[in-house]
Amino acid sequence: MCLGIPVQVIECGEHFARCAGRNGEVRVDLSLVGQQLPGTWLLTFLEAAREVIDAERAAAINAALNALAAAHAGETDFSDFFADLDREPQLPDFLKTQLS
């Protein structure tokens, strides 16, 4: 399983950026996304930026990663980790038509 880790740019050079994330400061390769301004959120994998993301998506990914850590620790209540799922699940429209 591959997990992307959100990090925020602290300072940026031409090819690498110093970033802060859930695992502290990391040096991130910018080859795929180019130079970024400080404060920019990046989704990284193996210390390379794969995508520029917004703060909302970074928070959602971090919440999911926190839920994964909680599951690994044996917790079973994940309601605090997925605030966007505080509703009944809904089928997509194309599946609703197949129930008729």
PDB file of N, CA and C in Angstrom:
ATOM      1  N   MET A   1       0.845  -1.168   0.000  1.00  0.00           N
ATOM      2  CA  MET A   1       0.000   0.000   0.000  1.00  0.00           C
ATOM      3  C   MET A   1       0.895   1.238   0.000  1.00  0.00           C
ATOM      4  N   CYS A   2       0.575   2.189  -0.832  1.00  0.00           N
ATOM      5  CA  CYS A   2       1.316   3.442  -0.915  1.00  0.00           C
ATOM      6  C   CYS A   2       0.515   4.533  -0.219  1.00  0.00           C
ATOM      7  N   LEU A   3       1.180   5.299   0.619  1.00  0.00           N
ATOM      8  CA  LEU A   3       0.512   6.385   1.328  1.00  0.00           C
ATOM      9  C   LEU A   3       1.192   7.701   1.004  1.00  0.00           C
ATOM     10  N   GLY A   4       0.398   8.667   0.591  1.00  0.00           N
ATOM     11  CA  GLY A   4       0.904  10.014   0.381  1.00  0.00           C
ATOM     12  C   GLY A   4       0.840  10.765   1.698  1.00  0.00           C
ATOM     13  N   ILE A   5       1.860  11.542   1.971  1.00  0.00           N
ATOM     14  CA  ILE A   5       1.945  12.305   3.210  1.00  0.00           C
ATOM     15  C   ILE A   5       1.926  13.799   2.870  1.00  0.00           C
ATOM     16  N   PRO A   6       0.972  14.553   3.434  1.00  0.00           N
ATOM     17  CA  PRO A   6       0.949  15.998   3.203  1.00  0.00           C
ATOM     18  C   PRO A   6       2.068  16.702   3.981  1.00  0.00           C
ATOM     19  N   VAL A   7       2.725  17.625   3.322  1.00  0.00           N
ATOM     20  CA  VAL A   7       3.731  18.473   3.971  1.00  0.00           C
ATOM     21  C   VAL A   7       3.530  19.900   3.478  1.00  0.00           C
ATOM     22  N   GLN A   8       4.005  20.850   4.297  1.00  0.00           N
ATOM     23  CA  GLN A   8       3.884  22.258   3.930  1.00  0.00           C
ATOM     24  C   GLN A   8       5.281  22.836   3.728  1.00  0.00           C
ATOM     25  N   VAL A   9       5.437  23.550   2.630  1.00  0.00           N
ATOM     26  CA  VAL A   9       6.740  24.133   2.273  1.00  0.00           C
ATOM     27  C   VAL A   9       7.126  25.208   3.290  1.00  0.00           C
ATOM     28  N   ILE A  10       8.341  25.091   3.819  1.00  0.00           N
ATOM     29  CA  ILE A  10       8.901  26.107   4.716  1.00  0.00           C
ATOM     30  C   ILE A  10       9.774  27.049   3.907  1.00  0.00           C
ATOM     31  N   GLU A  11      10.694  26.464   3.141  1.00  0.00           N
ATOM     32  CA  GLU A  11      11.528  27.251   2.223  1.00  0.00           C
ATOM     33  C   GLU A  11      11.818  26.399   1.000  1.00  0.00           C
ATOM     34  N   CYS A  12      12.039  27.085  -0.115  1.00  0.00           N
ATOM     35  CA  CYS A  12      12.136  26.360  -1.380  1.00  0.00           C
ATOM     36  C   CYS A  12      13.370  26.777  -2.151  1.00  0.00           C
ATOM     37  N   GLY A  13      14.041  25.772  -2.698  1.00  0.00           N
ATOM     38  CA  GLY A  13      15.147  26.003  -3.618  1.00  0.00           C
ATOM     39  C   GLY A  13      14.679  25.636  -5.020  1.00  0.00           C
ATOM     40  N   GLU A  14      15.620  25.506  -5.909  1.00  0.00           N
ATOM     41  CA  GLU A  14      15.267  25.218  -7.301  1.00  0.00           C
ATOM     42  C   GLU A  14      14.751  23.791  -7.483  1.00  0.00           C
ATOM     43  N   HIS A  15      15.370  22.842  -6.806  1.00  0.00           N
ATOM     44  CA  HIS A  15      15.011  21.432  -6.995  1.00  0.00           C
ATOM     45  C   HIS A  15      14.454  20.749  -5.749  1.00  0.00           C
ATOM     46  N   PHE A  16      14.696  21.331  -4.589  1.00  0.00           N
ATOM     47  CA  PHE A  16      14.266  20.736  -3.331  1.00  0.00           C
ATOM     48  C   PHE A  16      13.648  21.797  -2.441  1.00  0.00           C
ATOM     49  N   ALA A  17      12.778  21.353  -1.533  1.00  0.00           N
ATOM     50  CA  ALA A  17      12.172  22.250  -0.557  1.00  0.00           C
ATOM     51  C   ALA A  17      12.324  21.648   0.830  1.00  0.00           C
ATOM     52  N   ARG A  18      12.455  22.518   1.805  1.00  0.00           N
ATOM     53  CA  ARG A  18      12.406  22.088   3.204  1.00  0.00           C
ATOM     54  C   ARG A  18      10.950  22.214   3.616  1.00  0.00           C
ATOM     55  N   CYS A  19      10.385  21.131   4.113  1.00  0.00           N
ATOM     56  CA  CYS A  19       8.960  21.086   4.413  1.00  0.00           C
ATOM     57  C   CYS A  19       8.724  20.552   5.820  1.00  0.00           C
ATOM     58  N   ALA A  20       7.549  20.850   6.360  1.00  0.00           N
ATOM     59  CA  ALA A  20       7.140  20.336   7.665  1.00  0.00           C
ATOM     60  C   ALA A  20       5.880  19.520   7.482  1.00  0.00           C
ATOM     61  N   GLY A  21       5.837  18.388   8.167  1.00  0.00           N
ATOM     62  CA  GLY A  21       4.666  17.520   8.096  1.00  0.00           C
ATOM     63  C   GLY A  21       4.526  16.719   9.363  1.00  0.00           C
ATOM     64  N   ARG A  22       3.709  15.700   9.323  1.00  0.00           N
ATOM     65  CA  ARG A  22       3.402  14.880  10.495  1.00  0.00           C
ATOM     66  C   ARG A  22       4.623  14.171  11.060  1.00  0.00           C
ATOM     67  N   ASN A  23       5.668  14.000  10.269  1.00  0.00           N
ATOM     68  CA  ASN A  23       6.881  13.327  10.728  1.00  0.00           C
ATOM     69  C   ASN A  23       8.038  14.297  10.939  1.00  0.00           C
ATOM     70  N   GLY A  24       7.730  15.571  11.123  1.00  0.00           N
ATOM     71  CA  GLY A  24       8.765  16.583  11.321  1.00  0.00           C
ATOM     72  C   GLY A  24       9.180  17.209   9.997  1.00  0.00           C
ATOM     73  N   GLU A  25      10.388  17.747   9.978  1.00  0.00           N
ATOM     74  CA  GLU A  25      10.892  18.391   8.763  1.00  0.00           C
ATOM     75  C   GLU A  25      11.489  17.353   7.822  1.00  0.00           C
ATOM     76  N   VAL A  26      11.244  17.563   6.530  1.00  0.00           N
ATOM     77  CA  VAL A  26      11.780  16.675   5.500  1.00  0.00           C
ATOM     78  C   VAL A  26      12.273  17.505   4.323  1.00  0.00           C
ATOM     79  N   ARG A  27      13.214  16.949   3.598  1.00  0.00           N
ATOM     80  CA  ARG A  27      13.691  17.540   2.345  1.00  0.00           C
ATOM     81  C   ARG A  27      12.930  16.848   1.223  1.00  0.00           C
ATOM     82  N   VAL A  28      12.241  17.638   0.390  1.00  0.00           N
ATOM     83  CA  VAL A  28      11.349  17.094  -0.629  1.00  0.00           C
ATOM     84  C   VAL A  28      11.841  17.448  -2.024  1.00  0.00           C
ATOM     85  N   ASP A  29      11.885  16.444  -2.878  1.00  0.00           N
ATOM     86  CA  ASP A  29      12.239  16.619  -4.287  1.00  0.00           C
ATOM     87  C   ASP A  29      11.061  17.262  -5.014  1.00  0.00           C
ATOM     88  N   LEU A  30      11.323  18.325  -5.762  1.00  0.00           N
ATOM     89  CA  LEU A  30      10.269  19.076  -6.450  1.00  0.00           C
ATOM     90  C   LEU A  30      10.214  18.809  -7.956  1.00  0.00           C
ATOM     91  N   SER A  31      10.877  17.775  -8.423  1.00  0.00           N
ATOM     92  CA  SER A  31      10.978  17.520  -9.861  1.00  0.00           C
ATOM     93  C   SER A  31       9.631  17.471 -10.572  1.00  0.00           C
ATOM     94  N   LEU A  32       8.600  16.912  -9.937  1.00  0.00           N
ATOM     95  CA  LEU A  32       7.298  16.765 -10.598  1.00  0.00           C
ATOM     96  C   LEU A  32       6.382  17.984 -10.478  1.00  0.00           C
ATOM     97  N   VAL A  33       6.651  18.858  -9.495  1.00  0.00           N
ATOM     98  CA  VAL A  33       5.735  19.988  -9.271  1.00  0.00           C
ATOM     99  C   VAL A  33       6.393  21.346  -9.444  1.00  0.00           C
ATOM    100  N   GLY A  34       7.702  21.386  -9.553  1.00  0.00           N
ATOM    101  CA  GLY A  34       8.396  22.660  -9.703  1.00  0.00           C
ATOM    102  C   GLY A  34       8.494  23.420  -8.389  1.00  0.00           C
ATOM    103  N   GLN A  35       9.135  24.581  -8.449  1.00  0.00           N
ATOM    104  CA  GLN A  35       9.300  25.409  -7.255  1.00  0.00           C
ATOM    105  C   GLN A  35       7.945  25.852  -6.732  1.00  0.00           C
ATOM    106  N   GLN A  36       7.842  25.917  -5.404  1.00  0.00           N
ATOM    107  CA  GLN A  36       6.590  26.311  -4.756  1.00  0.00           C
ATOM    108  C   GLN A  36       6.867  27.379  -3.705  1.00  0.00           C
ATOM    109  N   LEU A  37       5.883  28.200  -3.451  1.00  0.00           N
ATOM    110  CA  LEU A  37       6.002  29.248  -2.441  1.00  0.00           C
ATOM    111  C   LEU A  37       5.897  28.649  -1.041  1.00  0.00           C
ATOM    112  N   PRO A  38       6.576  29.271  -0.048  1.00  0.00           N
ATOM    113  CA  PRO A  38       6.386  28.835   1.332  1.00  0.00           C
ATOM    114  C   PRO A  38       4.900  28.894   1.698  1.00  0.00           C
ATOM    115  N   GLY A  39       4.472  27.894   2.453  1.00  0.00           N
ATOM    116  CA  GLY A  39       3.065  27.796   2.834  1.00  0.00           C
ATOM    117  C   GLY A  39       2.268  26.859   1.948  1.00  0.00           C
ATOM    118  N   THR A  40       2.799  26.516   0.780  1.00  0.00           N
ATOM    119  CA  THR A  40       2.120  25.605  -0.139  1.00  0.00           C
ATOM    120  C   THR A  40       2.104  24.201   0.437  1.00  0.00           C
ATOM    121  N   TRP A  41       0.974  23.512   0.274  1.00  0.00           N
ATOM    122  CA  TRP A  41       0.849  22.116   0.698  1.00  0.00           C
ATOM    123  C   TRP A  41       1.167  21.196  -0.472  1.00  0.00           C
ATOM    124  N   LEU A  42       1.931  20.152  -0.177  1.00  0.00           N
ATOM    125  CA  LEU A  42       2.298  19.161  -1.180  1.00  0.00           C
ATOM    126  C   LEU A  42       1.929  17.773  -0.679  1.00  0.00           C
ATOM    127  N   LEU A  43       1.498  16.925  -1.594  1.00  0.00           N
ATOM    128  CA  LEU A  43       1.301  15.522  -1.266  1.00  0.00           C
ATOM    129  C   LEU A  43       2.565  14.801  -1.702  1.00  0.00           C
ATOM    130  N   THR A  44       3.228  14.130  -0.765  1.00  0.00           N
ATOM    131  CA  THR A  44       4.517  13.509  -1.044  1.00  0.00           C
ATOM    132  C   THR A  44       4.459  11.999  -0.878  1.00  0.00           C
ATOM    133  N   PHE A  45       5.359  11.338  -1.568  1.00  0.00           N
ATOM    134  CA  PHE A  45       5.564   9.910  -1.435  1.00  0.00           C
ATOM    135  C   PHE A  45       7.052   9.661  -1.618  1.00  0.00           C
ATOM    136  N   LEU A  46       7.655   8.971  -0.656  1.00  0.00           N
ATOM    137  CA  LEU A  46       9.098   8.711  -0.683  1.00  0.00           C
ATOM    138  C   LEU A  46       9.895  10.006  -0.845  1.00  0.00           C
ATOM    139  N   GLU A  47       9.487  11.035  -0.089  1.00  0.00           N
ATOM    140  CA  GLU A  47      10.156  12.337  -0.043  1.00  0.00           C
ATOM    141  C   GLU A  47      10.244  13.039  -1.390  1.00  0.00           C
ATOM    142  N   ALA A  48       9.271  12.782  -2.253  1.00  0.00           N
ATOM    143  CA  ALA A  48       9.155  13.499  -3.520  1.00  0.00           C
ATOM    144  C   ALA A  48       7.726  14.033  -3.621  1.00  0.00           C
ATOM    145  N   ALA A  49       7.597  15.291  -4.000  1.00  0.00           N
ATOM    146  CA  ALA A  49       6.274  15.883  -4.166  1.00  0.00           C
ATOM    147  C   ALA A  49       5.608  15.290  -5.400  1.00  0.00           C
ATOM    148  N   ARG A  50       4.386  14.834  -5.247  1.00  0.00           N
ATOM    149  CA  ARG A  50       3.634  14.254  -6.358  1.00  0.00           C
ATOM    150  C   ARG A  50       2.536  15.178  -6.850  1.00  0.00           C
ATOM    151  N   GLU A  51       2.064  16.072  -5.945  1.00  0.00           N
ATOM    152  CA  GLU A  51       0.907  16.910  -6.287  1.00  0.00           C
ATOM    153  C   GLU A  51       0.865  18.109  -5.343  1.00  0.00           C
ATOM    154  N   VAL A  52       0.442  19.259  -5.865  1.00  0.00           N
ATOM    155  CA  VAL A  52       0.155  20.429  -5.037  1.00  0.00           C
ATOM    156  C   VAL A  52      -1.302  20.292  -4.590  1.00  0.00           C
ATOM    157  N   ILE A  53      -1.549  20.423  -3.280  1.00  0.00           N
ATOM    158  CA  ILE A  53      -2.901  20.273  -2.741  1.00  0.00           C
ATOM    159  C   ILE A  53      -3.253  21.493  -1.903  1.00  0.00           C
ATOM    160  N   ASP A  54      -4.540  21.650  -1.583  1.00  0.00           N
ATOM    161  CA  ASP A  54      -4.937  22.766  -0.721  1.00  0.00           C
ATOM    162  C   ASP A  54      -4.955  22.310   0.740  1.00  0.00           C
ATOM    163  N   ALA A  55      -5.070  23.267   1.651  1.00  0.00           N
ATOM    164  CA  ALA A  55      -5.017  22.988   3.089  1.00  0.00           C
ATOM    165  C   ALA A  55      -6.155  22.066   3.530  1.00  0.00           C
ATOM    166  N   GLU A  56      -7.324  22.203   2.918  1.00  0.00           N
ATOM    167  CA  GLU A  56      -8.462  21.354   3.277  1.00  0.00           C
ATOM    168  C   GLU A  56      -8.182  19.891   2.947  1.00  0.00           C
ATOM    169  N   ARG A  57      -7.620  19.656   1.776  1.00  0.00           N
ATOM    170  CA  ARG A  57      -7.300  18.270   1.399  1.00  0.00           C
ATOM    171  C   ARG A  57      -6.182  17.723   2.274  1.00  0.00           C
ATOM    172  N   ALA A  58      -5.198  18.547   2.613  1.00  0.00           N
ATOM    173  CA  ALA A  58      -4.116  18.110   3.503  1.00  0.00           C
ATOM    174  C   ALA A  58      -4.690  17.694   4.860  1.00  0.00           C
ATOM    175  N   ALA A  59      -5.629  18.464   5.381  1.00  0.00           N
ATOM    176  CA  ALA A  59      -6.243  18.126   6.675  1.00  0.00           C
ATOM    177  C   ALA A  59      -7.029  16.822   6.584  1.00  0.00           C
ATOM    178  N   ALA A  60      -7.758  16.621   5.496  1.00  0.00           N
ATOM    179  CA  ALA A  60      -8.527  15.384   5.324  1.00  0.00           C
ATOM    180  C   ALA A  60      -7.609  14.167   5.224  1.00  0.00           C
ATOM    181  N   ILE A  61      -6.513  14.310   4.510  1.00  0.00           N
ATOM    182  CA  ILE A  61      -5.561  13.196   4.377  1.00  0.00           C
ATOM    183  C   ILE A  61      -4.913  12.905   5.723  1.00  0.00           C
ATOM    184  N   ASN A  62      -4.533  13.960   6.449  1.00  0.00           N
ATOM    185  CA  ASN A  62      -3.943  13.752   7.774  1.00  0.00           C
ATOM    186  C   ASN A  62      -4.926  13.088   8.722  1.00  0.00           C
ATOM    187  N   ALA A  63      -6.208  13.440   8.646  1.00  0.00           N
ATOM    188  CA  ALA A  63      -7.220  12.791   9.484  1.00  0.00           C
ATOM    189  C   ALA A  63      -7.326  11.309   9.141  1.00  0.00           C
ATOM    190  N   ALA A  64      -7.290  10.982   7.856  1.00  0.00           N
ATOM    191  CA  ALA A  64      -7.338   9.576   7.442  1.00  0.00           C
ATOM    192  C   ALA A  64      -6.104   8.821   7.926  1.00  0.00           C
ATOM    193  N   LEU A  65      -4.945   9.456   7.873  1.00  0.00           N
ATOM    194  CA  LEU A  65      -3.725   8.819   8.368  1.00  0.00           C
ATOM    195  C   LEU A  65      -3.789   8.625   9.884  1.00  0.00           C
ATOM    196  N   ASN A  66      -4.393   9.593  10.587  1.00  0.00           N
ATOM    197  CA  ASN A  66      -4.591   9.441  12.032  1.00  0.00           C
ATOM    198  C   ASN A  66      -5.531   8.274  12.327  1.00  0.00           C
ATOM    199  N   ALA A  67      -6.568   8.112  11.515  1.00  0.00           N
ATOM    200  CA  ALA A  67      -7.498   6.991  11.686  1.00  0.00           C
ATOM    201  C   ALA A  67      -6.784   5.667  11.460  1.00  0.00           C
ATOM    202  N   LEU A  68      -5.916   5.625  10.476  1.00  0.00           N
ATOM    203  CA  LEU A  68      -5.151   4.406  10.208  1.00  0.00           C
ATOM    204  C   LEU A  68      -4.264   4.055  11.402  1.00  0.00           C
ATOM    205  N   ALA A  69      -3.611   5.061  11.970  1.00  0.00           N
ATOM    206  CA  ALA A  69      -2.778   4.828  13.160  1.00  0.00           C
ATOM    207  C   ALA A  69      -3.631   4.352  14.329  1.00  0.00           C
ATOM    208  N   ALA A  70      -4.834   4.932  14.481  1.00  0.00           N
ATOM    209  CA  ALA A  70      -5.736   4.516  15.559  1.00  0.00           C
ATOM    210  C   ALA A  70      -6.178   3.073  15.366  1.00  0.00           C
ATOM    211  N   ALA A  71      -6.491   2.687  14.131  1.00  0.00           N
ATOM    212  CA  ALA A  71      -6.883   1.303  13.848  1.00  0.00           C
ATOM    213  C   ALA A  71      -5.739   0.360  14.174  1.00  0.00           C
ATOM    214  N   HIS A  72      -4.548   0.750  13.829  1.00  0.00           N
ATOM    215  CA  HIS A  72      -3.369  -0.077  14.116  1.00  0.00           C
ATOM    216  C   HIS A  72      -3.179  -0.241  15.619  1.00  0.00           C
ATOM    217  N   ALA A  73      -3.588   0.784  16.382  1.00  0.00           N
ATOM    218  CA  ALA A  73      -3.472   0.736  17.846  1.00  0.00           C
ATOM    219  C   ALA A  73      -4.645   0.004  18.492  1.00  0.00           C
ATOM    220  N   GLY A  74      -5.599  -0.460  17.676  1.00  0.00           N
ATOM    221  CA  GLY A  74      -6.706  -1.238  18.203  1.00  0.00           C
ATOM    222  C   GLY A  74      -7.993  -0.472  18.453  1.00  0.00           C
ATOM    223  N   GLU A  75      -8.027   0.803  18.125  1.00  0.00           N
ATOM    224  CA  GLU A  75      -9.252   1.583  18.313  1.00  0.00           C
ATOM    225  C   GLU A  75     -10.306   1.170  17.293  1.00  0.00           C
ATOM    226  N   THR A  76     -11.568   1.336  17.656  1.00  0.00           N
ATOM    227  CA  THR A  76     -12.656   0.951  16.746  1.00  0.00           C
ATOM    228  C   THR A  76     -13.631   2.081  16.450  1.00  0.00           C
ATOM    229  N   ASP A  77     -13.547   3.189  17.163  1.00  0.00           N
ATOM    230  CA  ASP A  77     -14.431   4.331  16.904  1.00  0.00           C
ATOM    231  C   ASP A  77     -13.662   5.355  16.069  1.00  0.00           C
ATOM    232  N   PHE A  78     -14.095   5.521  14.825  1.00  0.00           N
ATOM    233  CA  PHE A  78     -13.399   6.416  13.902  1.00  0.00           C
ATOM    234  C   PHE A  78     -14.187   7.677  13.580  1.00  0.00           C
ATOM    235  N   SER A  79     -15.246   7.947  14.340  1.00  0.00           N
ATOM    236  CA  SER A  79     -16.120   9.082  14.040  1.00  0.00           C
ATOM    237  C   SER A  79     -15.394  10.424  14.139  1.00  0.00           C
ATOM    238  N   ASP A  80     -14.387  10.531  14.989  1.00  0.00           N
ATOM    239  CA  ASP A  80     -13.663  11.798  15.125  1.00  0.00           C
ATOM    240  C   ASP A  80     -12.737  12.084  13.946  1.00  0.00           C
ATOM    241  N   PHE A  81     -12.418  11.068  13.167  1.00  0.00           N
ATOM    242  CA  PHE A  81     -11.444  11.230  12.095  1.00  0.00           C
ATOM    243  C   PHE A  81     -12.066  11.629  10.753  1.00  0.00           C
ATOM    244  N   PHE A  82     -13.348  11.380  10.587  1.00  0.00           N
ATOM    245  CA  PHE A  82     -13.988  11.610   9.291  1.00  0.00           C
ATOM    246  C   PHE A  82     -15.227  12.485   9.458  1.00  0.00           C
ATOM    247  N   ALA A  83     -15.013  13.752   9.768  1.00  0.00           N
ATOM    248  CA  ALA A  83     -16.115  14.688   9.997  1.00  0.00           C
ATOM    249  C   ALA A  83     -17.001  14.828   8.765  1.00  0.00           C
ATOM    250  N   ASP A  84     -16.437  14.623   7.586  1.00  0.00           N
ATOM    251  CA  ASP A  84     -17.212  14.756   6.354  1.00  0.00           C
ATOM    252  C   ASP A  84     -18.130  13.562   6.120  1.00  0.00           C
ATOM    253  N   LEU A  85     -18.074  12.550   6.961  1.00  0.00           N
ATOM    254  CA  LEU A  85     -18.913  11.368   6.789  1.00  0.00           C
ATOM    255  C   LEU A  85     -20.000  11.281   7.867  1.00  0.00           C
ATOM    256  N   ASP A  86     -20.424  12.406   8.394  1.00  0.00           N
ATOM    257  CA  ASP A  86     -21.450  12.412   9.446  1.00  0.00           C
ATOM    258  C   ASP A  86     -22.866  12.387   8.857  1.00  0.00           C
ATOM    259  N   ARG A  87     -23.055  11.577   7.847  1.00  0.00           N
ATOM    260  CA  ARG A  87     -24.343  11.441   7.184  1.00  0.00           C
ATOM    261  C   ARG A  87     -24.524   9.987   6.775  1.00  0.00           C
ATOM    262  N   GLU A  88     -25.748   9.634   6.428  1.00  0.00           N
ATOM    263  CA  GLU A  88     -26.013   8.290   5.927  1.00  0.00           C
ATOM    264  C   GLU A  88     -25.390   8.128   4.547  1.00  0.00           C
ATOM    265  N   PRO A  89     -24.792   6.990   4.274  1.00  0.00           N
ATOM    266  CA  PRO A  89     -24.218   6.779   2.935  1.00  0.00           C
ATOM    267  C   PRO A  89     -25.303   6.840   1.862  1.00  0.00           C
ATOM    268  N   GLN A  90     -24.949   7.370   0.713  1.00  0.00           N
ATOM    269  CA  GLN A  90     -25.879   7.498  -0.407  1.00  0.00           C
ATOM    270  C   GLN A  90     -25.302   6.787  -1.622  1.00  0.00           C
ATOM    271  N   LEU A  91     -26.157   6.071  -2.320  1.00  0.00           N
ATOM    272  CA  LEU A  91     -25.726   5.461  -3.574  1.00  0.00           C
ATOM    273  C   LEU A  91     -25.589   6.524  -4.651  1.00  0.00           C
ATOM    274  N   PRO A  92     -24.632   6.384  -5.551  1.00  0.00           N
ATOM    275  CA  PRO A  92     -24.557   7.289  -6.696  1.00  0.00           C
ATOM    276  C   PRO A  92     -25.799   7.101  -7.566  1.00  0.00           C
ATOM    277  N   ASP A  93     -26.191   8.133  -8.292  1.00  0.00           N
ATOM    278  CA  ASP A  93     -27.403   8.097  -9.120  1.00  0.00           C
ATOM    279  C   ASP A  93     -27.427   6.909 -10.074  1.00  0.00           C
ATOM    280  N   PHE A  94     -26.278   6.603 -10.697  1.00  0.00           N
ATOM    281  CA  PHE A  94     -26.281   5.515 -11.676  1.00  0.00           C
ATOM    282  C   PHE A  94     -26.568   4.160 -11.026  1.00  0.00           C
ATOM    283  N   LEU A  95     -26.291   4.010  -9.738  1.00  0.00           N
ATOM    284  CA  LEU A  95     -26.622   2.763  -9.049  1.00  0.00           C
ATOM    285  C   LEU A  95     -28.073   2.751  -8.553  1.00  0.00           C
ATOM    286  N   LYS A  96     -28.603   3.926  -8.224  1.00  0.00           N
ATOM    287  CA  LYS A  96     -29.998   4.001  -7.776  1.00  0.00           C
ATOM    288  C   LYS A  96     -30.947   3.480  -8.837  1.00  0.00           C
ATOM    289  N   THR A  97     -30.639   3.764 -10.098  1.00  0.00           N
ATOM    290  CA  THR A  97     -31.513   3.323 -11.186  1.00  0.00           C
ATOM    291  C   THR A  97     -31.526   1.812 -11.333  1.00  0.00           C
ATOM    292  N   GLN A  98     -30.470   1.147 -10.901  1.00  0.00           N
ATOM    293  CA  GLN A  98     -30.410  -0.315 -11.001  1.00  0.00           C
ATOM    294  C   GLN A  98     -31.228  -1.005  -9.926  1.00  0.00           C
ATOM    295  N   LEU A  99     -31.625  -0.270  -8.882  1.00  0.00           N
ATOM    296  CA  LEU A  99     -32.444  -0.848  -7.813  1.00  0.00           C
ATOM    297  C   LEU A  99     -33.927  -0.884  -8.191  1.00  0.00           C
ATOM    298  N   SER A 100     -34.323  -0.064  -9.141  1.00  0.00           N
ATOM    299  CA  SER A 100     -35.749   0.024  -9.528  1.00  0.00           C
ATOM    300  C   SER A 100     -36.204  -1.174 -10.310  1.00  0.00           C
TER     301      SER A 100
END
